[in-house]
Amino acid sequence: MTELHQEQARQRAPREPAGEERVRLDPGALRGRIAAELAAARDRTALLTGCVDAADLVRQHSPLMSPLVWDLAHVANQEELWLLREVGGREPMHPEIDPLYDAFEHPRAERPALPLLPPGEARGYGHEVRGRVLDLLDTVRFEGARLLADGFAFGMIAQHEQQHDETMLITHQLRKGRPVLSAPGPGPAPADAMRLPPEVLVQGGPFTMGTSAEPWALDNERPAHTVHVPAFFLDTVPVTNGAYAEFIADGGYDDPRFWTPAGWDHRQRAGLSAPLFWRWEGQWVRSAFGVTAPVDPAEPVLHVSWYEADAYARWAGRRLPTEAEWEKAARHDPASGRSRRYPWGDEEPDATRANLGQRHLRPAPAGSYPAGAAPSGARQLIGDVWEWTSSDFLPYPGFAAWPYREYSEVFFGPEYKVLRGGSFAVGQVASRATFRNWDYPVRRQIFAGFRTARSAGLETAGGIPGRPAPEAS
């Protein structure tokens, strides 16, 4: 789509609701933030690729994932394409490698057979690109072209690298061999965690969904638009390992009543019987980054597919929340009527509000981060685990693909389900209450969990004690 056509589409889009506030930074502060976000992403990339030897970097640890060395050069190539060429008008540094690192040109399963840059050259390429980008950042003016407004292109690249840092962490989780990653644990849940109500009420009514004000929001988050959501109840915290183990013990994996036809078919063909990386050794144990330990019943369940999350919700007499319900619970402030950037307000995430940035390499116990709670009282909506929703990945009214249609538009459709909230593996720059992730409903290697919901007004009538009976499909 040309810039002219994009502008025409924006003019046809619905008027922006008066439900969010524009975020602005002066040029000096913007340069500082960009430099910090780029540095944070690169530090994490260096850690994830520097902790293994060259043989591990070039090996494909799973057909679902690229070799780590591909990700290492890919982030540098995208940085060169968008910042040095598109923004800076520079000539290509190594145009012959562009096809090798085009994610649409070669599926992940094919990438080990490509003539990829070896580890030393990939690191050197990334170092050279970053040096030139920082020189460009010193002089660029954040005005004129849309890519430059609010430093969008730089923010897009920082988010892109942080997203690949999460992808590389997934590769580490799938990797066999000695442990190479470690991090301090998140600590125990706060004293009030055991006293939290099991669910919170989110009042019905309109709210502003999506954004037209967030400077670095990606195209699928745009534009802001008004959505009416009926009242509903939402789990206060994500579903825990302990609760999920009850589903397993009650035969949840063996009863087709709790599964969609497609889910039941997949469960049988794939032989699913527990979350990925769980196994029974007299108790449930879980392998994480090469270390096996008993499953912590207080942590949010991790590495479950959409089909498993949906089956659990049906077993519990509940359902997965819609994407709109999740976002209203995470953003809407009933006192002011506006939508916040984050559940706790407009301030950036920090270590007191959310588990992000691979600080802990695991979810925090359910009920953690009271400072990050939403107005409804729901906790851990940002960080810890991606949360499956019931919604297909579709465009918002007035959507316009930008700056390239391959980021979102080619994925729209019923084959992908939306995840929200971000996991412990997500960098701060790529985590906000409007951010949309998506994946196939069979995916389990991602750091995904879920919470359940029910419509307000439904009464308990059988099913699991203390829970409503399953709704008809």
Protein backbone atom coordinates (compact mmCIF):
# COMPACT_ATOMS: atom_id res chain seq x y z
CA MET A 1 0.00 0.00 0.00
CA THR A 2 1.42 3.40 -0.97
CA GLU A 3 1.76 6.28 1.50
CA LEU A 4 -1.06 8.08 -0.34
CA HIS A 5 -3.39 5.09 -0.05
CA GLN A 6 -2.52 4.73 3.62
CA GLU A 7 -3.40 8.37 4.22
CA GLN A 8 -6.71 7.92 2.38
CA ALA A 9 -7.46 4.88 4.56
CA ARG A 10 -6.71 6.87 7.69
CA GLN A 11 -9.10 9.59 6.58
CA ARG A 12 -11.85 7.00 6.15
CA ALA A 13 -11.16 5.44 9.54
CA PRO A 14 -13.47 6.09 12.50
CA ARG A 15 -12.82 9.23 14.48
CA GLU A 16 -10.44 8.70 17.40
CA PRO A 17 -12.37 8.26 20.66
CA ALA A 18 -11.53 10.71 23.41
CA GLY A 19 -10.40 7.88 25.65
CA GLU A 20 -6.59 8.01 25.73
CA GLU A 21 -3.86 10.60 26.06
CA ARG A 22 -1.04 11.25 23.63
CA VAL A 23 2.45 10.36 24.82
CA ARG A 24 5.09 12.94 23.89
CA LEU A 25 8.85 13.20 24.51
CA ASP A 26 11.12 16.11 23.65
CA PRO A 27 13.87 15.24 21.11
CA GLY A 28 16.60 14.94 23.73
CA ALA A 29 14.59 12.62 25.96
CA LEU A 30 13.48 10.66 22.89
CA ARG A 31 17.09 10.10 21.79
CA GLY A 32 17.96 8.92 25.28
CA ARG A 33 15.06 6.51 25.43
CA ILE A 34 15.83 5.08 21.98
CA ALA A 35 19.49 4.55 22.86
CA ALA A 36 18.53 2.84 26.13
CA GLU A 37 15.99 0.53 24.48
CA LEU A 38 18.38 -0.42 21.68
CA ALA A 39 21.13 -1.11 24.23
CA ALA A 40 18.83 -3.23 26.44
CA ALA A 41 17.80 -5.34 23.47
CA ARG A 42 21.38 -5.83 22.29
CA ASP A 43 22.61 -6.71 25.78
CA ARG A 44 20.01 -9.44 25.97
CA THR A 45 20.83 -10.68 22.46
CA ALA A 46 24.51 -10.85 23.41
CA LEU A 47 23.74 -12.84 26.55
CA LEU A 48 21.49 -15.33 24.75
CA THR A 49 24.01 -15.93 21.97
CA GLY A 50 27.20 -15.60 24.00
CA CYS A 51 26.39 -18.30 26.55
CA VAL A 52 26.72 -21.15 24.04
CA ASP A 53 29.50 -22.21 21.71
CA ALA A 54 29.59 -21.88 17.92
CA ALA A 55 28.25 -25.39 17.39
CA ASP A 56 25.16 -24.60 19.47
CA LEU A 57 24.65 -21.32 17.64
CA VAL A 58 24.50 -22.94 14.20
CA ARG A 59 22.52 -26.01 15.30
CA GLN A 60 18.77 -26.13 14.85
CA HIS A 61 17.47 -27.20 18.25
CA SER A 62 13.90 -27.66 17.01
CA PRO A 63 12.27 -27.50 13.55
CA LEU A 64 9.92 -24.93 15.10
CA MET A 65 12.80 -22.51 15.65
CA SER A 66 15.67 -20.95 13.70
CA PRO A 67 19.29 -21.56 14.58
CA LEU A 68 20.35 -18.89 17.06
CA VAL A 69 22.91 -17.58 14.58
CA TRP A 70 20.08 -16.79 12.14
CA ASP A 71 18.31 -14.62 14.72
CA LEU A 72 21.63 -12.94 15.55
CA ALA A 73 22.16 -11.72 11.98
CA HIS A 74 18.46 -11.20 11.23
CA VAL A 75 18.04 -8.51 13.90
CA ALA A 76 21.07 -6.69 12.49
CA ASN A 77 19.77 -6.99 8.95
CA GLN A 78 16.38 -5.54 9.88
CA GLU A 79 18.11 -2.72 11.74
CA GLU A 80 20.15 -1.93 8.65
CA LEU A 81 17.14 -2.11 6.32
CA TRP A 82 14.89 0.19 8.33
CA LEU A 83 17.25 2.59 10.08
CA LEU A 84 20.29 2.93 7.85
CA ARG A 85 18.58 2.50 4.47
CA GLU A 86 15.00 3.72 4.96
CA VAL A 87 15.65 6.45 7.54
CA GLY A 88 19.28 7.31 6.81
CA GLY A 89 19.23 6.83 3.03
CA ARG A 90 22.43 4.75 3.13
CA GLU A 91 23.49 2.21 0.53
CA PRO A 92 23.11 -1.47 1.48
CA MET A 93 26.08 -2.85 3.34
CA HIS A 94 25.71 -6.47 2.17
CA PRO A 95 22.73 -6.72 -0.19
CA GLU A 96 23.58 -10.30 -1.05
CA ILE A 97 22.53 -11.50 2.41
CA ASP A 98 19.12 -9.82 2.43
CA PRO A 99 17.27 -12.91 1.09
CA LEU A 100 18.90 -15.15 3.70
CA TYR A 101 17.40 -13.15 6.54
CA ASP A 102 13.99 -12.47 5.02
CA ALA A 103 11.61 -14.36 7.32
CA PHE A 104 9.10 -14.81 4.49
CA GLU A 105 11.66 -16.05 1.99
CA HIS A 106 12.75 -19.13 3.94
CA PRO A 107 10.69 -21.06 6.53
CA ARG A 108 12.45 -21.88 9.80
CA ALA A 109 12.92 -25.54 8.87
CA GLU A 110 14.99 -24.51 5.82
CA ARG A 111 17.27 -22.00 7.51
CA PRO A 112 20.02 -24.37 8.73
CA ALA A 113 20.77 -25.28 5.09
CA LEU A 114 21.28 -21.65 4.04
CA PRO A 115 24.77 -20.11 3.68
CA LEU A 116 24.30 -18.08 6.85
CA LEU A 117 26.94 -15.77 8.27
CA PRO A 118 29.04 -17.72 10.77
CA PRO A 119 28.85 -16.53 14.39
CA GLY A 120 31.88 -14.22 14.27
CA GLU A 121 30.75 -12.51 11.07
CA ALA A 122 27.16 -12.22 12.33
CA ARG A 123 28.37 -10.50 15.49
CA GLY A 124 30.66 -8.21 13.50
CA TYR A 125 27.83 -7.26 11.16
CA GLY A 126 25.56 -6.43 14.09
CA HIS A 127 28.28 -4.37 15.78
CA GLU A 128 28.97 -2.37 12.61
CA VAL A 129 25.27 -1.72 11.98
CA ARG A 130 24.68 -0.60 15.56
CA GLY A 131 27.61 1.81 15.49
CA ARG A 132 26.27 3.48 12.34
CA VAL A 133 22.75 3.60 13.80
CA LEU A 134 23.98 5.39 16.92
CA ASP A 135 25.78 7.92 14.73
CA LEU A 136 22.53 8.45 12.82
CA LEU A 137 20.58 8.82 16.06
CA ASP A 138 22.80 11.75 17.08
CA THR A 139 21.75 13.82 14.06
CA VAL A 140 18.33 12.60 12.91
CA ARG A 141 15.34 14.95 13.22
CA PHE A 142 12.11 13.38 14.45
CA GLU A 143 9.85 15.14 11.98
CA GLY A 144 8.71 14.97 8.40
CA ALA A 145 8.43 11.35 7.27
CA ARG A 146 6.02 9.20 9.23
CA LEU A 147 8.77 6.70 10.03
CA LEU A 148 10.56 9.48 11.93
CA ALA A 149 7.60 10.90 13.86
CA ASP A 150 8.14 10.18 17.56
CA GLY A 151 11.12 8.02 16.58
CA PHE A 152 8.76 5.28 15.38
CA ALA A 153 11.28 3.44 13.17
CA PHE A 154 13.78 3.24 16.04
CA GLY A 155 11.07 2.04 18.43
CA MET A 156 9.94 -0.56 15.92
CA ILE A 157 13.47 -1.94 15.65
CA ALA A 158 13.96 -2.00 19.43
CA GLN A 159 10.71 -3.94 19.75
CA HIS A 160 11.71 -6.26 16.92
CA GLU A 161 14.97 -7.23 18.60
CA GLN A 162 13.28 -7.71 21.97
CA GLN A 163 10.72 -9.98 20.29
CA HIS A 164 13.57 -12.04 18.86
CA ASP A 165 15.14 -12.16 22.30
CA GLU A 166 11.97 -13.92 23.44
CA THR A 167 12.15 -16.21 20.41
CA MET A 168 15.76 -17.05 21.23
CA LEU A 169 14.80 -17.78 24.84
CA ILE A 170 12.22 -20.25 23.51
CA THR A 171 15.03 -21.88 21.55
CA HIS A 172 17.02 -22.17 24.77
CA GLN A 173 14.04 -23.84 26.44
CA LEU A 174 13.93 -26.41 23.62
CA ARG A 175 17.70 -26.86 23.58
CA LYS A 176 19.21 -30.09 24.94
CA GLY A 177 22.43 -30.06 26.92
CA ARG A 178 23.92 -28.52 30.01
CA PRO A 179 22.18 -25.48 31.53
CA VAL A 180 23.66 -22.18 30.39
CA LEU A 181 21.08 -19.66 31.65
CA SER A 182 20.21 -18.73 35.19
CA ALA A 183 18.45 -15.91 37.00
CA PRO A 184 17.22 -15.15 40.52
CA GLY A 185 13.71 -16.30 41.33
CA PRO A 186 10.86 -13.80 41.55
CA GLY A 187 10.36 -14.41 45.26
CA PRO A 188 7.23 -15.48 47.14
CA ALA A 189 3.80 -14.05 46.54
CA PRO A 190 2.80 -11.09 48.71
CA ALA A 191 1.05 -11.73 52.02
CA ASP A 192 -2.40 -10.90 50.65
CA ALA A 193 -2.22 -13.31 47.68
CA MET A 194 -4.12 -16.06 49.52
CA ARG A 195 -6.91 -13.63 50.42
CA LEU A 196 -7.58 -12.43 46.89
CA PRO A 197 -11.05 -13.15 45.51
CA PRO A 198 -11.01 -15.82 42.79
CA GLU A 199 -12.54 -13.43 40.25
CA VAL A 200 -13.21 -9.74 39.71
CA LEU A 201 -16.20 -8.02 38.15
CA VAL A 202 -15.60 -5.81 35.12
CA GLN A 203 -18.62 -3.57 34.61
CA GLY A 204 -20.35 -3.47 31.24
CA GLY A 205 -20.31 -0.51 28.90
CA PRO A 206 -18.16 1.15 26.24
CA PHE A 207 -14.41 1.63 26.39
CA THR A 208 -11.64 2.74 24.08
CA MET A 209 -9.90 -0.28 22.57
CA GLY A 210 -6.67 -0.07 20.60
CA THR A 211 -4.67 3.11 20.28
CA SER A 212 -4.11 6.11 18.08
CA ALA A 213 -1.91 7.82 20.66
CA GLU A 214 0.84 5.35 21.59
CA PRO A 215 3.89 6.52 19.58
CA TRP A 216 5.48 3.10 19.02
CA ALA A 217 2.29 1.06 18.69
CA LEU A 218 2.31 -1.29 15.71
CA ASP A 219 -0.28 -1.31 12.97
CA ASN A 220 -2.49 -4.10 14.37
CA GLU A 221 -2.96 -2.10 17.60
CA ARG A 222 -4.44 0.81 15.63
CA PRO A 223 -6.69 2.76 15.46
CA ALA A 224 -8.42 3.52 18.75
CA HIS A 225 -12.11 2.69 18.53
CA THR A 226 -15.05 2.36 20.90
CA VAL A 227 -16.20 -1.15 21.85
CA HIS A 228 -19.15 -2.05 24.07
CA VAL A 229 -18.41 -4.98 26.39
CA PRO A 230 -21.16 -6.52 28.56
CA ALA A 231 -20.34 -7.06 32.23
CA PHE A 232 -18.24 -10.13 32.97
CA PHE A 233 -16.18 -11.80 35.64
CA LEU A 234 -12.47 -12.47 35.08
CA ASP A 235 -10.02 -14.57 37.07
CA THR A 236 -8.10 -12.31 39.44
CA VAL A 237 -4.85 -14.08 38.51
CA PRO A 238 -3.79 -16.45 35.73
CA VAL A 239 -4.68 -20.12 36.12
CA THR A 240 -2.04 -21.79 38.27
CA ASN A 241 -0.15 -25.05 37.95
CA GLY A 242 -2.03 -26.36 40.97
CA ALA A 243 -5.42 -25.64 39.42
CA TYR A 244 -4.33 -27.11 36.10
CA ALA A 245 -3.10 -30.28 37.83
CA GLU A 246 -6.67 -30.72 39.16
CA PHE A 247 -7.92 -30.64 35.57
CA ILE A 248 -5.44 -33.38 34.66
CA ALA A 249 -6.29 -35.48 37.73
CA ASP A 250 -10.01 -35.20 36.97
CA GLY A 251 -9.48 -36.72 33.52
CA GLY A 252 -9.71 -33.46 31.61
CA TYR A 253 -7.41 -34.74 28.87
CA ASP A 254 -9.54 -37.86 28.41
CA ASP A 255 -13.02 -36.37 28.16
CA PRO A 256 -13.98 -35.08 24.69
CA ARG A 257 -16.84 -33.03 26.19
CA PHE A 258 -14.36 -30.37 27.23
CA TRP A 259 -12.63 -30.06 23.86
CA THR A 260 -13.60 -28.53 20.55
CA PRO A 261 -13.68 -31.10 17.73
CA ALA A 262 -10.43 -29.70 16.31
CA GLY A 263 -8.89 -29.62 19.78
CA TRP A 264 -9.87 -33.20 20.56
CA ASP A 265 -8.49 -34.37 17.24
CA HIS A 266 -5.20 -32.59 17.92
CA ARG A 267 -5.04 -33.89 21.50
CA GLN A 268 -5.35 -37.45 20.22
CA ARG A 269 -2.92 -37.11 17.33
CA ALA A 270 -0.30 -35.27 19.41
CA GLY A 271 -0.79 -37.47 22.48
CA LEU A 272 -1.27 -34.51 24.81
CA SER A 273 -1.63 -35.41 28.48
CA ALA A 274 -0.03 -32.46 30.34
CA PRO A 275 1.62 -29.10 29.59
CA LEU A 276 4.77 -29.23 27.50
CA PHE A 277 7.89 -30.01 29.58
CA TRP A 278 5.84 -31.64 32.38
CA ARG A 279 6.31 -35.30 33.30
CA TRP A 280 5.10 -37.51 36.13
CA GLU A 281 7.73 -38.88 38.55
CA GLY A 282 5.50 -39.60 41.53
CA GLN A 283 4.74 -35.89 41.33
CA TRP A 284 4.65 -33.45 38.46
CA VAL A 285 8.08 -32.13 37.52
CA ARG A 286 8.98 -29.60 34.86
CA SER A 287 12.13 -29.00 32.84
CA ALA A 288 13.12 -25.37 32.35
CA PHE A 289 16.32 -24.31 30.59
CA GLY A 290 17.98 -27.64 31.32
CA VAL A 291 16.97 -27.90 34.99
CA THR A 292 14.23 -30.25 36.23
CA ALA A 293 12.35 -29.40 39.41
CA PRO A 294 8.93 -30.07 40.98
CA VAL A 295 6.11 -28.03 39.47
CA ASP A 296 5.32 -25.07 41.72
CA PRO A 297 1.55 -25.15 42.28
CA ALA A 298 1.46 -21.38 42.94
CA GLU A 299 2.94 -20.32 39.59
CA PRO A 300 0.80 -19.61 36.52
CA VAL A 301 0.65 -22.61 34.22
CA LEU A 302 2.95 -22.30 31.22
CA HIS A 303 3.43 -23.96 27.81
CA VAL A 304 -0.18 -24.85 27.12
CA SER A 305 -1.86 -24.55 23.73
CA TRP A 306 -5.07 -22.67 23.03
CA TYR A 307 -6.86 -26.00 22.77
CA GLU A 308 -5.70 -26.97 26.26
CA ALA A 309 -6.62 -23.58 27.72
CA ASP A 310 -10.07 -23.76 26.14
CA ALA A 311 -10.61 -27.31 27.42
CA TYR A 312 -9.64 -26.31 30.95
CA ALA A 313 -12.05 -23.37 30.86
CA ARG A 314 -14.91 -25.63 29.74
CA TRP A 315 -14.04 -28.16 32.46
CA ALA A 316 -14.16 -25.33 35.02
CA GLY A 317 -17.57 -24.19 33.76
CA ARG A 318 -16.09 -21.02 32.34
CA ARG A 319 -14.61 -19.77 29.08
CA LEU A 320 -11.62 -17.89 27.75
CA PRO A 321 -12.10 -14.10 27.70
CA THR A 322 -12.50 -12.34 24.40
CA GLU A 323 -9.71 -10.01 23.35
CA ALA A 324 -11.97 -7.01 24.02
CA GLU A 325 -12.79 -8.28 27.50
CA TRP A 326 -9.12 -8.79 28.29
CA GLU A 327 -8.21 -5.29 27.12
CA LYS A 328 -11.05 -3.65 28.98
CA ALA A 329 -10.02 -5.41 32.18
CA ALA A 330 -6.43 -4.31 31.61
CA ARG A 331 -6.94 -0.70 30.49
CA HIS A 332 -10.32 0.78 31.36
CA ASP A 333 -10.45 3.15 34.31
CA PRO A 334 -14.13 3.46 35.33
CA ALA A 335 -13.40 6.50 37.49
CA SER A 336 -12.15 8.62 34.57
CA GLY A 337 -13.69 6.72 31.66
CA ARG A 338 -10.37 6.64 29.83
CA SER A 339 -8.10 3.81 28.77
CA ARG A 340 -4.70 3.57 30.42
CA ARG A 341 -1.44 2.53 28.78
CA TYR A 342 -1.00 -0.17 31.42
CA PRO A 343 -3.25 -1.69 34.08
CA TRP A 344 -1.68 0.47 36.81
CA GLY A 345 -1.70 3.73 34.84
CA ASP A 346 0.45 5.46 32.25
CA GLU A 347 3.84 5.02 33.93
CA GLU A 348 6.36 2.67 32.32
CA PRO A 349 6.71 -0.84 33.77
CA ASP A 350 9.25 -1.44 36.52
CA ALA A 351 10.24 -4.33 38.76
CA THR A 352 7.47 -3.54 41.26
CA ARG A 353 4.68 -3.71 38.70
CA ALA A 354 5.41 -6.57 36.32
CA ASN A 355 7.65 -9.55 35.62
CA LEU A 356 9.27 -8.65 32.29
CA GLY A 357 12.62 -8.63 30.51
CA GLN A 358 13.82 -12.15 31.40
CA ARG A 359 14.76 -10.96 34.90
CA HIS A 360 13.57 -14.21 36.49
CA LEU A 361 13.20 -16.75 33.65
CA ARG A 362 9.92 -17.97 35.15
CA PRO A 363 6.51 -16.62 36.11
CA ALA A 364 6.02 -15.10 39.55
CA PRO A 365 3.57 -16.80 41.94
CA ALA A 366 -0.07 -15.96 41.38
CA GLY A 367 -1.07 -12.80 43.21
CA SER A 368 2.29 -11.10 42.82
CA TYR A 369 2.78 -7.45 41.84
CA PRO A 370 -0.09 -5.71 43.67
CA ALA A 371 1.38 -2.40 42.44
CA GLY A 372 0.59 -3.55 38.91
CA ALA A 373 -3.07 -4.31 39.53
CA ALA A 374 -5.83 -2.97 37.28
CA PRO A 375 -8.69 -0.85 38.68
CA SER A 376 -10.82 -4.01 38.75
CA GLY A 377 -8.32 -5.68 41.08
CA ALA A 378 -7.01 -8.19 38.52
CA ARG A 379 -3.27 -8.81 38.85
CA GLN A 380 -0.46 -9.88 36.52
CA LEU A 381 -2.22 -8.80 33.34
CA ILE A 382 1.16 -7.60 32.07
CA GLY A 383 4.15 -9.94 32.28
CA ASP A 384 4.55 -13.51 33.60
CA VAL A 385 2.65 -15.37 30.84
CA TRP A 386 1.07 -14.58 27.51
CA GLU A 387 -2.66 -15.13 27.95
CA TRP A 388 -4.73 -16.92 25.33
CA THR A 389 -8.03 -15.26 24.44
CA SER A 390 -10.98 -16.73 22.58
CA SER A 391 -10.59 -14.24 19.71
CA ASP A 392 -9.29 -14.77 16.20
CA PHE A 393 -6.57 -12.38 15.01
CA LEU A 394 -8.47 -9.81 12.95
CA PRO A 395 -7.95 -6.15 12.00
CA TYR A 396 -9.57 -3.33 13.91
CA PRO A 397 -12.07 -1.06 12.10
CA GLY A 398 -10.07 1.42 10.05
CA PHE A 399 -6.90 -0.72 10.05
CA ALA A 400 -4.20 0.32 7.59
CA ALA A 401 -1.09 -1.82 7.10
CA TRP A 402 2.07 0.15 7.89
CA PRO A 403 4.97 0.27 7.32
CA TYR A 404 4.73 -3.14 5.64
CA ARG A 405 1.78 -5.51 5.25
CA GLU A 406 3.78 -8.60 6.22
CA TYR A 407 3.93 -7.55 9.86
CA SER A 408 0.21 -8.13 10.54
CA GLU A 409 -2.07 -8.15 7.52
CA VAL A 410 -0.98 -11.47 6.04
CA PHE A 411 -1.76 -13.22 9.35
CA PHE A 412 -5.33 -11.98 9.81
CA GLY A 413 -7.85 -14.81 9.86
CA PRO A 414 -9.43 -17.55 11.95
CA GLU A 415 -6.35 -19.80 11.90
CA TYR A 416 -4.59 -17.61 14.49
CA LYS A 417 -5.68 -16.91 18.07
CA VAL A 418 -4.81 -13.72 19.96
CA LEU A 419 -2.63 -13.70 23.07
CA ARG A 420 -2.35 -10.71 25.37
CA GLY A 421 -0.26 -9.35 28.21
CA GLY A 422 3.30 -10.42 27.48
CA SER A 423 5.37 -13.01 29.31
CA PHE A 424 8.38 -12.87 31.62
CA ALA A 425 10.47 -13.20 28.45
CA VAL A 426 9.15 -9.99 26.83
CA GLY A 427 11.14 -6.78 26.95
CA GLN A 428 9.52 -3.70 28.43
CA VAL A 429 9.52 -1.88 25.09
CA ALA A 430 7.37 -4.60 23.51
CA SER A 431 4.88 -4.86 26.36
CA ARG A 432 1.81 -2.66 26.78
CA ALA A 433 -1.89 -3.20 27.29
CA THR A 434 -2.67 -2.68 23.59
CA PHE A 435 0.03 -5.07 22.29
CA ARG A 436 -1.38 -8.02 20.32
CA ASN A 437 0.39 -11.34 19.88
CA TRP A 438 -0.97 -14.21 17.82
CA ASP A 439 -0.19 -17.84 17.11
CA TYR A 440 -1.67 -21.13 15.96
CA PRO A 441 -3.92 -22.80 18.57
CA VAL A 442 -1.61 -25.85 18.65
CA ARG A 443 1.47 -23.90 19.77
CA ARG A 444 2.94 -24.91 23.15
CA GLN A 445 6.61 -23.92 23.02
CA ILE A 446 5.68 -20.27 23.55
CA PHE A 447 5.51 -18.85 27.09
CA ALA A 448 1.71 -18.96 27.15
CA GLY A 449 -0.84 -19.46 29.90
CA PHE A 450 -4.34 -18.08 30.38
CA ARG A 451 -7.07 -16.93 32.72
CA THR A 452 -10.78 -17.68 32.45
CA ALA A 453 -13.95 -15.60 32.41
CA ARG A 454 -17.70 -15.87 32.68
CA SER A 455 -20.51 -13.57 31.71
CA ALA A 456 -22.10 -11.65 34.58
CA GLY A 457 -25.45 -13.00 35.73
CA LEU A 458 -24.68 -16.68 35.23
CA GLU A 459 -25.44 -18.66 38.39
CA THR A 460 -23.74 -21.75 39.72
CA ALA A 461 -25.64 -24.84 38.62
CA GLY A 462 -23.57 -27.95 38.87
CA GLY A 463 -20.16 -28.61 37.36
CA ILE A 464 -17.09 -28.00 39.48
CA PRO A 465 -18.11 -26.98 43.05
CA GLY A 466 -18.22 -23.23 43.39
CA ARG A 467 -18.08 -22.70 39.64
CA PRO A 468 -20.84 -22.23 37.06
CA ALA A 469 -21.86 -25.17 34.91
CA PRO A 470 -20.32 -25.35 31.41
CA GLU A 471 -22.01 -23.14 28.87
CA ALA A 472 -23.39 -24.77 25.77
CA SER A 473 -21.07 -24.61 22.77
